Amino acid sequence: GGWNKEHLSEQLSWASVHDPRLGHWIVKIKGLLVDNERLDYCDDGTCQAAVDTGTALLSVPSTAFRSLFGMLRHEPGPPGHCQGAGPTLHLSLRTSR
């Protein structure tokens, strides 16, 4: 593994895996934003995410789905193309256990 500094839009930082015994890269989330709008779903400190660079899957609690889907939905690019700008989803990770 590794990263290319040319692809970074900000300084790289690290977050601890919440419970390595689970066998997944599960991290704690302290904040969730779509573009610059902060959502309150993770304000109670209970949000977690399993991160995997091999998938584009995003799973959220059903209570958050309708609002989050509406904020992330955007017009598609030309037919047959999977490219184009959409909203930015930003996950702020907790840096300590």
PDB file of N, CA and C in Angstrom:
ATOM      1  N   GLY A   1       0.813  -1.185   0.000  1.00  0.00           N
ATOM      2  CA  GLY A   1       0.000   0.000   0.000  1.00  0.00           C
ATOM      3  C   GLY A   1       0.849   1.237   0.000  1.00  0.00           C
ATOM      4  N   GLY A   2       0.214   2.342  -0.165  1.00  0.00           N
ATOM      5  CA  GLY A   2       0.897   3.616  -0.179  1.00  0.00           C
ATOM      6  C   GLY A   2      -0.021   4.697  -0.716  1.00  0.00           C
ATOM      7  N   TRP A   3       0.533   5.864  -0.931  1.00  0.00           N
ATOM      8  CA  TRP A   3      -0.240   6.983  -1.451  1.00  0.00           C
ATOM      9  C   TRP A   3       0.667   7.855  -2.292  1.00  0.00           C
ATOM     10  N   ASN A   4       0.061   8.604  -3.169  1.00  0.00           N
ATOM     11  CA  ASN A   4       0.773   9.535  -4.030  1.00  0.00           C
ATOM     12  C   ASN A   4       0.486  10.935  -3.527  1.00  0.00           C
ATOM     13  N   LYS A   5       1.504  11.649  -3.080  1.00  0.00           N
ATOM     14  CA  LYS A   5       1.329  12.999  -2.530  1.00  0.00           C
ATOM     15  C   LYS A   5       0.653  13.942  -3.513  1.00  0.00           C
ATOM     16  N   GLU A   6       0.828  13.688  -4.803  1.00  0.00           N
ATOM     17  CA  GLU A   6       0.199  14.551  -5.812  1.00  0.00           C
ATOM     18  C   GLU A   6      -1.325  14.445  -5.806  1.00  0.00           C
ATOM     19  N   HIS A   7      -1.862  13.373  -5.234  1.00  0.00           N
ATOM     20  CA  HIS A   7      -3.313  13.177  -5.199  1.00  0.00           C
ATOM     21  C   HIS A   7      -3.949  13.720  -3.926  1.00  0.00           C
ATOM     22  N   LEU A   8      -3.158  14.227  -2.995  1.00  0.00           N
ATOM     23  CA  LEU A   8      -3.685  14.728  -1.729  1.00  0.00           C
ATOM     24  C   LEU A   8      -4.166  16.164  -1.880  1.00  0.00           C
ATOM     25  N   SER A   9      -5.315  16.459  -1.312  1.00  0.00           N
ATOM     26  CA  SER A   9      -5.812  17.833  -1.307  1.00  0.00           C
ATOM     27  C   SER A   9      -5.523  18.514   0.031  1.00  0.00           C
ATOM     28  N   GLU A  10      -5.079  17.737   1.011  1.00  0.00           N
ATOM     29  CA  GLU A  10      -4.705  18.281   2.319  1.00  0.00           C
ATOM     30  C   GLU A  10      -3.695  17.336   2.959  1.00  0.00           C
ATOM     31  N   GLN A  11      -3.123  17.745   4.069  1.00  0.00           N
ATOM     32  CA  GLN A  11      -2.122  16.943   4.768  1.00  0.00           C
ATOM     33  C   GLN A  11      -2.731  15.608   5.201  1.00  0.00           C
ATOM     34  N   LEU A  12      -2.015  14.527   4.977  1.00  0.00           N
ATOM     35  CA  LEU A  12      -2.459  13.194   5.369  1.00  0.00           C
ATOM     36  C   LEU A  12      -2.390  13.046   6.884  1.00  0.00           C
ATOM     37  N   SER A  13      -3.424  12.453   7.474  1.00  0.00           N
ATOM     38  CA  SER A  13      -3.423  12.191   8.917  1.00  0.00           C
ATOM     39  C   SER A  13      -3.913  10.768   9.140  1.00  0.00           C
ATOM     40  N   TRP A  14      -3.708  10.254  10.325  1.00  0.00           N
ATOM     41  CA  TRP A  14      -4.025   8.869  10.632  1.00  0.00           C
ATOM     42  C   TRP A  14      -5.045   8.792  11.763  1.00  0.00           C
ATOM     43  N   ALA A  15      -5.863   7.751  11.735  1.00  0.00           N
ATOM     44  CA  ALA A  15      -6.832   7.493  12.796  1.00  0.00           C
ATOM     45  C   ALA A  15      -6.663   6.044  13.247  1.00  0.00           C
ATOM     46  N   SER A  16      -6.765   5.819  14.540  1.00  0.00           N
ATOM     47  CA  SER A  16      -6.636   4.467  15.082  1.00  0.00           C
ATOM     48  C   SER A  16      -7.831   3.611  14.689  1.00  0.00           C
ATOM     49  N   VAL A  17      -7.590   2.330  14.468  1.00  0.00           N
ATOM     50  CA  VAL A  17      -8.672   1.376  14.246  1.00  0.00           C
ATOM     51  C   VAL A  17      -9.348   1.155  15.588  1.00  0.00           C
ATOM     52  N   HIS A  18     -10.680   1.247  15.608  1.00  0.00           N
ATOM     53  CA  HIS A  18     -11.435   1.193  16.857  1.00  0.00           C
ATOM     54  C   HIS A  18     -11.222  -0.117  17.618  1.00  0.00           C
ATOM     55  N   ASP A  19     -11.399  -1.248  16.966  1.00  0.00           N
ATOM     56  CA  ASP A  19     -11.233  -2.546  17.628  1.00  0.00           C
ATOM     57  C   ASP A  19     -10.642  -3.536  16.637  1.00  0.00           C
ATOM     58  N   PRO A  20      -9.307  -3.663  16.594  1.00  0.00           N
ATOM     59  CA  PRO A  20      -8.653  -4.530  15.606  1.00  0.00           C
ATOM     60  C   PRO A  20      -9.114  -5.985  15.682  1.00  0.00           C
ATOM     61  N   ARG A  21      -9.639  -6.444  16.809  1.00  0.00           N
ATOM     62  CA  ARG A  21     -10.089  -7.832  16.949  1.00  0.00           C
ATOM     63  C   ARG A  21     -11.269  -8.154  16.040  1.00  0.00           C
ATOM     64  N   LEU A  22     -12.000  -7.144  15.575  1.00  0.00           N
ATOM     65  CA  LEU A  22     -13.158  -7.376  14.719  1.00  0.00           C
ATOM     66  C   LEU A  22     -12.764  -7.772  13.302  1.00  0.00           C
ATOM     67  N   GLY A  23     -11.521  -7.526  12.921  1.00  0.00           N
ATOM     68  CA  GLY A  23     -11.058  -7.918  11.603  1.00  0.00           C
ATOM     69  C   GLY A  23     -11.400  -6.946  10.494  1.00  0.00           C
ATOM     70  N   HIS A  24     -11.893  -5.758  10.845  1.00  0.00           N
ATOM     71  CA  HIS A  24     -12.228  -4.739   9.854  1.00  0.00           C
ATOM     72  C   HIS A  24     -11.530  -3.438  10.243  1.00  0.00           C
ATOM     73  N   TRP A  25     -11.346  -2.576   9.280  1.00  0.00           N
ATOM     74  CA  TRP A  25     -10.809  -1.241   9.563  1.00  0.00           C
ATOM     75  C   TRP A  25     -11.977  -0.361  10.003  1.00  0.00           C
ATOM     76  N   ILE A  26     -12.346  -0.469  11.270  1.00  0.00           N
ATOM     77  CA  ILE A  26     -13.459   0.313  11.803  1.00  0.00           C
ATOM     78  C   ILE A  26     -12.885   1.510  12.546  1.00  0.00           C
ATOM     79  N   VAL A  27     -13.337   2.689  12.160  1.00  0.00           N
ATOM     80  CA  VAL A  27     -12.868   3.926  12.779  1.00  0.00           C
ATOM     81  C   VAL A  27     -14.064   4.678  13.342  1.00  0.00           C
ATOM     82  N   LYS A  28     -13.813   5.471  14.365  1.00  0.00           N
ATOM     83  CA  LYS A  28     -14.853   6.311  14.965  1.00  0.00           C
ATOM     84  C   LYS A  28     -14.975   7.601  14.153  1.00  0.00           C
ATOM     85  N   ILE A  29     -16.197   8.060  13.954  1.00  0.00           N
ATOM     86  CA  ILE A  29     -16.457   9.290  13.214  1.00  0.00           C
ATOM     87  C   ILE A  29     -16.938  10.348  14.195  1.00  0.00           C
ATOM     88  N   LYS A  30     -16.336  11.537  14.123  1.00  0.00           N
ATOM     89  CA  LYS A  30     -16.775  12.613  15.012  1.00  0.00           C
ATOM     90  C   LYS A  30     -17.626  13.648  14.294  1.00  0.00           C
ATOM     91  N   GLY A  31     -17.601  13.639  12.975  1.00  0.00           N
ATOM     92  CA  GLY A  31     -18.402  14.612  12.245  1.00  0.00           C
ATOM     93  C   GLY A  31     -18.642  14.182  10.817  1.00  0.00           C
ATOM     94  N   LEU A  32     -19.735  14.653  10.248  1.00  0.00           N
ATOM     95  CA  LEU A  32     -20.150  14.313   8.896  1.00  0.00           C
ATOM     96  C   LEU A  32     -20.623  15.582   8.213  1.00  0.00           C
ATOM     97  N   LEU A  33     -20.067  15.869   7.034  1.00  0.00           N
ATOM     98  CA  LEU A  33     -20.458  17.048   6.270  1.00  0.00           C
ATOM     99  C   LEU A  33     -20.724  16.661   4.822  1.00  0.00           C
ATOM    100  N   VAL A  34     -21.701  17.311   4.220  1.00  0.00           N
ATOM    101  CA  VAL A  34     -21.916  17.219   2.777  1.00  0.00           C
ATOM    102  C   VAL A  34     -21.694  18.621   2.259  1.00  0.00           C
ATOM    103  N   ASP A  35     -20.708  18.749   1.349  1.00  0.00           N
ATOM    104  CA  ASP A  35     -20.173  20.047   0.967  1.00  0.00           C
ATOM    105  C   ASP A  35     -19.770  20.739   2.267  1.00  0.00           C
ATOM    106  N   ASN A  36     -20.303  21.877   2.586  1.00  0.00           N
ATOM    107  CA  ASN A  36     -19.923  22.542   3.832  1.00  0.00           C
ATOM    108  C   ASN A  36     -21.031  22.514   4.878  1.00  0.00           C
ATOM    109  N   GLU A  37     -22.037  21.681   4.652  1.00  0.00           N
ATOM    110  CA  GLU A  37     -23.161  21.594   5.588  1.00  0.00           C
ATOM    111  C   GLU A  37     -22.953  20.427   6.550  1.00  0.00           C
ATOM    112  N   ARG A  38     -22.858  20.754   7.836  1.00  0.00           N
ATOM    113  CA  ARG A  38     -22.638  19.746   8.866  1.00  0.00           C
ATOM    114  C   ARG A  38     -23.954  19.057   9.215  1.00  0.00           C
ATOM    115  N   LEU A  39     -23.921  17.726   9.272  1.00  0.00           N
ATOM    116  CA  LEU A  39     -25.087  16.950   9.681  1.00  0.00           C
ATOM    117  C   LEU A  39     -24.914  16.564  11.139  1.00  0.00           C
ATOM    118  N   ASP A  40     -25.997  16.422  11.865  1.00  0.00           N
ATOM    119  CA  ASP A  40     -25.916  16.143  13.302  1.00  0.00           C
ATOM    120  C   ASP A  40     -25.959  14.652  13.641  1.00  0.00           C
ATOM    121  N   TYR A  41     -25.902  13.767  12.648  1.00  0.00           N
ATOM    122  CA  TYR A  41     -26.030  12.335  12.906  1.00  0.00           C
ATOM    123  C   TYR A  41     -24.945  11.780  13.817  1.00  0.00           C
ATOM    124  N   CYS A  42     -23.764  12.336  13.778  1.00  0.00           N
ATOM    125  CA  CYS A  42     -22.647  11.776  14.545  1.00  0.00           C
ATOM    126  C   CYS A  42     -22.300  12.605  15.778  1.00  0.00           C
ATOM    127  N   ASP A  43     -23.101  13.582  16.084  1.00  0.00           N
ATOM    128  CA  ASP A  43     -22.806  14.458  17.221  1.00  0.00           C
ATOM    129  C   ASP A  43     -22.844  13.733  18.562  1.00  0.00           C
ATOM    130  N   ASP A  44     -23.552  12.597  18.641  1.00  0.00           N
ATOM    131  CA  ASP A  44     -23.643  11.880  19.917  1.00  0.00           C
ATOM    132  C   ASP A  44     -22.423  10.998  20.188  1.00  0.00           C
ATOM    133  N   GLY A  45     -21.476  10.921  19.236  1.00  0.00           N
ATOM    134  CA  GLY A  45     -20.247  10.166  19.445  1.00  0.00           C
ATOM    135  C   GLY A  45     -20.339   8.676  19.191  1.00  0.00           C
ATOM    136  N   THR A  46     -21.447   8.190  18.624  1.00  0.00           N
ATOM    137  CA  THR A  46     -21.610   6.747  18.430  1.00  0.00           C
ATOM    138  C   THR A  46     -21.343   6.288  17.005  1.00  0.00           C
ATOM    139  N   CYS A  47     -21.052   7.190  16.080  1.00  0.00           N
ATOM    140  CA  CYS A  47     -20.851   6.796  14.679  1.00  0.00           C
ATOM    141  C   CYS A  47     -19.531   6.058  14.482  1.00  0.00           C
ATOM    142  N   GLN A  48     -19.589   5.047  13.643  1.00  0.00           N
ATOM    143  CA  GLN A  48     -18.419   4.276  13.261  1.00  0.00           C
ATOM    144  C   GLN A  48     -18.503   4.016  11.763  1.00  0.00           C
ATOM    145  N   ALA A  49     -17.358   3.733  11.162  1.00  0.00           N
ATOM    146  CA  ALA A  49     -17.338   3.396   9.748  1.00  0.00           C
ATOM    147  C   ALA A  49     -16.325   2.283   9.509  1.00  0.00           C
ATOM    148  N   ALA A  50     -16.692   1.359   8.647  1.00  0.00           N
ATOM    149  CA  ALA A  50     -15.743   0.351   8.171  1.00  0.00           C
ATOM    150  C   ALA A  50     -15.219   0.881   6.850  1.00  0.00           C
ATOM    151  N   VAL A  51     -13.935   1.129   6.783  1.00  0.00           N
ATOM    152  CA  VAL A  51     -13.357   1.721   5.579  1.00  0.00           C
ATOM    153  C   VAL A  51     -12.660   0.656   4.753  1.00  0.00           C
ATOM    154  N   ASP A  52     -12.841   0.755   3.438  1.00  0.00           N
ATOM    155  CA  ASP A  52     -12.265  -0.207   2.510  1.00  0.00           C
ATOM    156  C   ASP A  52     -12.064   0.514   1.186  1.00  0.00           C
ATOM    157  N   THR A  53     -10.832   0.670   0.770  1.00  0.00           N
ATOM    158  CA  THR A  53     -10.560   1.399  -0.467  1.00  0.00           C
ATOM    159  C   THR A  53     -10.974   0.619  -1.702  1.00  0.00           C
ATOM    160  N   GLY A  54     -11.388  -0.626  -1.534  1.00  0.00           N
ATOM    161  CA  GLY A  54     -11.781  -1.441  -2.672  1.00  0.00           C
ATOM    162  C   GLY A  54     -13.253  -1.369  -3.013  1.00  0.00           C
ATOM    163  N   THR A  55     -14.008  -0.502  -2.377  1.00  0.00           N
ATOM    164  CA  THR A  55     -15.437  -0.426  -2.640  1.00  0.00           C
ATOM    165  C   THR A  55     -15.924   1.023  -2.557  1.00  0.00           C
ATOM    166  N   ALA A  56     -17.010   1.290  -3.229  1.00  0.00           N
ATOM    167  CA  ALA A  56     -17.633   2.609  -3.157  1.00  0.00           C
ATOM    168  C   ALA A  56     -18.923   2.544  -2.342  1.00  0.00           C
ATOM    169  N   LEU A  57     -19.123   1.440  -1.636  1.00  0.00           N
ATOM    170  CA  LEU A  57     -20.332   1.226  -0.843  1.00  0.00           C
ATOM    171  C   LEU A  57     -20.387   2.192   0.327  1.00  0.00           C
ATOM    172  N   LEU A  58     -21.547   2.781   0.542  1.00  0.00           N
ATOM    173  CA  LEU A  58     -21.785   3.642   1.686  1.00  0.00           C
ATOM    174  C   LEU A  58     -23.059   3.166   2.358  1.00  0.00           C
ATOM    175  N   SER A  59     -22.947   2.737   3.603  1.00  0.00           N
ATOM    176  CA  SER A  59     -24.089   2.249   4.354  1.00  0.00           C
ATOM    177  C   SER A  59     -24.318   3.190   5.527  1.00  0.00           C
ATOM    178  N   VAL A  60     -25.555   3.599   5.706  1.00  0.00           N
ATOM    179  CA  VAL A  60     -25.885   4.536   6.784  1.00  0.00           C
ATOM    180  C   VAL A  60     -27.131   4.043   7.509  1.00  0.00           C
ATOM    181  N   PRO A  61     -27.354   4.510   8.739  1.00  0.00           N
ATOM    182  CA  PRO A  61     -28.591   4.135   9.445  1.00  0.00           C
ATOM    183  C   PRO A  61     -29.822   4.596   8.668  1.00  0.00           C
ATOM    184  N   SER A  62     -30.884   3.822   8.747  1.00  0.00           N
ATOM    185  CA  SER A  62     -32.097   4.161   7.992  1.00  0.00           C
ATOM    186  C   SER A  62     -32.654   5.529   8.370  1.00  0.00           C
ATOM    187  N   THR A  63     -32.441   5.967   9.606  1.00  0.00           N
ATOM    188  CA  THR A  63     -32.941   7.278  10.023  1.00  0.00           C
ATOM    189  C   THR A  63     -32.194   8.418   9.342  1.00  0.00           C
ATOM    190  N   ALA A  64     -30.981   8.169   8.876  1.00  0.00           N
ATOM    191  CA  ALA A  64     -30.180   9.199   8.221  1.00  0.00           C
ATOM    192  C   ALA A  64     -30.276   9.126   6.700  1.00  0.00           C
ATOM    193  N   PHE A  65     -30.766   8.012   6.174  1.00  0.00           N
ATOM    194  CA  PHE A  65     -30.694   7.772   4.737  1.00  0.00           C
ATOM    195  C   PHE A  65     -31.387   8.836   3.896  1.00  0.00           C
ATOM    196  N   ARG A  66     -32.644   9.117   4.156  1.00  0.00           N
ATOM    197  CA  ARG A  66     -33.422  10.013   3.291  1.00  0.00           C
ATOM    198  C   ARG A  66     -32.752  11.378   3.156  1.00  0.00           C
ATOM    199  N   SER A  67     -32.338  11.951   4.259  1.00  0.00           N
ATOM    200  CA  SER A  67     -31.701  13.259   4.231  1.00  0.00           C
ATOM    201  C   SER A  67     -30.345  13.212   3.525  1.00  0.00           C
ATOM    202  N   LEU A  68     -29.535  12.227   3.877  1.00  0.00           N
ATOM    203  CA  LEU A  68     -28.202  12.117   3.293  1.00  0.00           C
ATOM    204  C   LEU A  68     -28.283  11.832   1.789  1.00  0.00           C
ATOM    205  N   PHE A  69     -29.192  10.959   1.387  1.00  0.00           N
ATOM    206  CA  PHE A  69     -29.373  10.658  -0.032  1.00  0.00           C
ATOM    207  C   PHE A  69     -29.751  11.917  -0.797  1.00  0.00           C
ATOM    208  N   GLY A  70     -30.660  12.695  -0.238  1.00  0.00           N
ATOM    209  CA  GLY A  70     -31.079  13.943  -0.891  1.00  0.00           C
ATOM    210  C   GLY A  70     -29.937  14.933  -1.039  1.00  0.00           C
ATOM    211  N   MET A  71     -29.042  14.979  -0.058  1.00  0.00           N
ATOM    212  CA  MET A  71     -27.921  15.908  -0.119  1.00  0.00           C
ATOM    213  C   MET A  71     -26.838  15.435  -1.090  1.00  0.00           C
ATOM    214  N   LEU A  72     -26.686  14.125  -1.266  1.00  0.00           N
ATOM    215  CA  LEU A  72     -25.646  13.593  -2.140  1.00  0.00           C
ATOM    216  C   LEU A  72     -26.099  13.425  -3.590  1.00  0.00           C
ATOM    217  N   ARG A  73     -27.396  13.421  -3.808  1.00  0.00           N
ATOM    218  CA  ARG A  73     -27.924  13.221  -5.153  1.00  0.00           C
ATOM    219  C   ARG A  73     -27.571  14.409  -6.040  1.00  0.00           C
ATOM    220  N   HIS A  74     -27.200  14.124  -7.289  1.00  0.00           N
ATOM    221  CA  HIS A  74     -26.857  15.183  -8.239  1.00  0.00           C
ATOM    222  C   HIS A  74     -27.092  14.691  -9.657  1.00  0.00           C
ATOM    223  N   GLU A  75     -27.084  15.608 -10.579  1.00  0.00           N
ATOM    224  CA  GLU A  75     -27.307  15.267 -11.983  1.00  0.00           C
ATOM    225  C   GLU A  75     -26.136  14.437 -12.500  1.00  0.00           C
ATOM    226  N   PRO A  76     -26.421  13.383 -13.255  1.00  0.00           N
ATOM    227  CA  PRO A  76     -25.336  12.559 -13.797  1.00  0.00           C
ATOM    228  C   PRO A  76     -24.629  13.269 -14.940  1.00  0.00           C
ATOM    229  N   GLY A  77     -23.458  12.749 -15.265  1.00  0.00           N
ATOM    230  CA  GLY A  77     -22.713  13.248 -16.418  1.00  0.00           C
ATOM    231  C   GLY A  77     -23.332  12.720 -17.693  1.00  0.00           C
ATOM    232  N   PRO A  78     -22.603  12.835 -18.808  1.00  0.00           N
ATOM    233  CA  PRO A  78     -23.126  12.315 -20.077  1.00  0.00           C
ATOM    234  C   PRO A  78     -23.418  10.816 -19.969  1.00  0.00           C
ATOM    235  N   PRO A  79     -24.389  10.313 -20.729  1.00  0.00           N
ATOM    236  CA  PRO A  79     -24.722   8.885 -20.682  1.00  0.00           C
ATOM    237  C   PRO A  79     -23.491   8.005 -20.909  1.00  0.00           C
ATOM    238  N   GLY A  80     -23.356   6.979 -20.089  1.00  0.00           N
ATOM    239  CA  GLY A  80     -22.249   6.054 -20.222  1.00  0.00           C
ATOM    240  C   GLY A  80     -20.976   6.493 -19.525  1.00  0.00           C
ATOM    241  N   HIS A  81     -20.991   7.647 -18.888  1.00  0.00           N
ATOM    242  CA  HIS A  81     -19.796   8.149 -18.203  1.00  0.00           C
ATOM    243  C   HIS A  81     -20.027   8.183 -16.702  1.00  0.00           C
ATOM    244  N   CYS A  82     -19.080   7.690 -15.957  1.00  0.00           N
ATOM    245  CA  CYS A  82     -19.148   7.714 -14.497  1.00  0.00           C
ATOM    246  C   CYS A  82     -18.160   8.771 -13.989  1.00  0.00           C
ATOM    247  N   GLN A  83     -18.383   9.984 -14.370  1.00  0.00           N
ATOM    248  CA  GLN A  83     -17.494  11.051 -13.948  1.00  0.00           C
ATOM    249  C   GLN A  83     -18.285  12.335 -13.817  1.00  0.00           C
ATOM    250  N   GLY A  84     -17.667  13.317 -13.263  1.00  0.00           N
ATOM    251  CA  GLY A  84     -18.323  14.597 -13.066  1.00  0.00           C
ATOM    252  C   GLY A  84     -18.353  14.940 -11.597  1.00  0.00           C
ATOM    253  N   ALA A  85     -18.496  16.189 -11.337  1.00  0.00           N
ATOM    254  CA  ALA A  85     -18.474  16.666  -9.956  1.00  0.00           C
ATOM    255  C   ALA A  85     -19.816  16.442  -9.282  1.00  0.00           C
ATOM    256  N   GLY A  86     -19.759  15.999  -8.067  1.00  0.00           N
ATOM    257  CA  GLY A  86     -20.934  15.851  -7.225  1.00  0.00           C
ATOM    258  C   GLY A  86     -20.632  16.485  -5.888  1.00  0.00           C
ATOM    259  N   PRO A  87     -21.534  16.387  -4.947  1.00  0.00           N
ATOM    260  CA  PRO A  87     -21.278  16.930  -3.609  1.00  0.00           C
ATOM    261  C   PRO A  87     -20.085  16.229  -2.955  1.00  0.00           C
ATOM    262  N   THR A  88     -19.418  16.923  -2.065  1.00  0.00           N
ATOM    263  CA  THR A  88     -18.294  16.358  -1.331  1.00  0.00           C
ATOM    264  C   THR A  88     -18.787  15.803  -0.010  1.00  0.00           C
ATOM    265  N   LEU A  89     -18.523  14.532   0.235  1.00  0.00           N
ATOM    266  CA  LEU A  89     -18.838  13.902   1.515  1.00  0.00           C
ATOM    267  C   LEU A  89     -17.561  13.909   2.342  1.00  0.00           C
ATOM    268  N   HIS A  90     -17.619  14.505   3.502  1.00  0.00           N
ATOM    269  CA  HIS A  90     -16.444  14.639   4.362  1.00  0.00           C
ATOM    270  C   HIS A  90     -16.722  13.947   5.694  1.00  0.00           C
ATOM    271  N   LEU A  91     -15.875  12.979   6.043  1.00  0.00           N
ATOM    272  CA  LEU A  91     -15.969  12.293   7.324  1.00  0.00           C
ATOM    273  C   LEU A  91     -14.817  12.768   8.200  1.00  0.00           C
ATOM    274  N   SER A  92     -15.120  13.350   9.356  1.00  0.00           N
ATOM    275  CA  SER A  92     -14.087  13.729  10.310  1.00  0.00           C
ATOM    276  C   SER A  92     -13.904  12.575  11.272  1.00  0.00           C
ATOM    277  N   LEU A  93     -12.688  12.036  11.317  1.00  0.00           N
ATOM    278  CA  LEU A  93     -12.418  10.873  12.152  1.00  0.00           C
ATOM    279  C   LEU A  93     -11.865  11.270  13.501  1.00  0.00           C
ATOM    280  N   ARG A  94     -12.246  10.502  14.520  1.00  0.00           N
ATOM    281  CA  ARG A  94     -11.657  10.687  15.846  1.00  0.00           C
ATOM    282  C   ARG A  94     -10.217  10.173  15.787  1.00  0.00           C
ATOM    283  N   THR A  95      -9.299  10.906  16.377  1.00  0.00           N
ATOM    284  CA  THR A  95      -7.900  10.528  16.291  1.00  0.00           C
ATOM    285  C   THR A  95      -7.413   9.776  17.520  1.00  0.00           C
ATOM    286  N   SER A  96      -8.244   9.627  18.532  1.00  0.00           N
ATOM    287  CA  SER A  96      -7.833   8.879  19.731  1.00  0.00           C
ATOM    288  C   SER A  96      -8.903   7.863  20.065  1.00  0.00           C
ATOM    289  N   ARG A  97      -8.498   6.864  20.833  1.00  0.00           N
ATOM    290  CA  ARG A  97      -9.426   5.803  21.225  1.00  0.00           C
ATOM    291  C   ARG A  97     -10.291   6.266  22.299  1.00  0.00           C
TER     292      ARG A  97
END
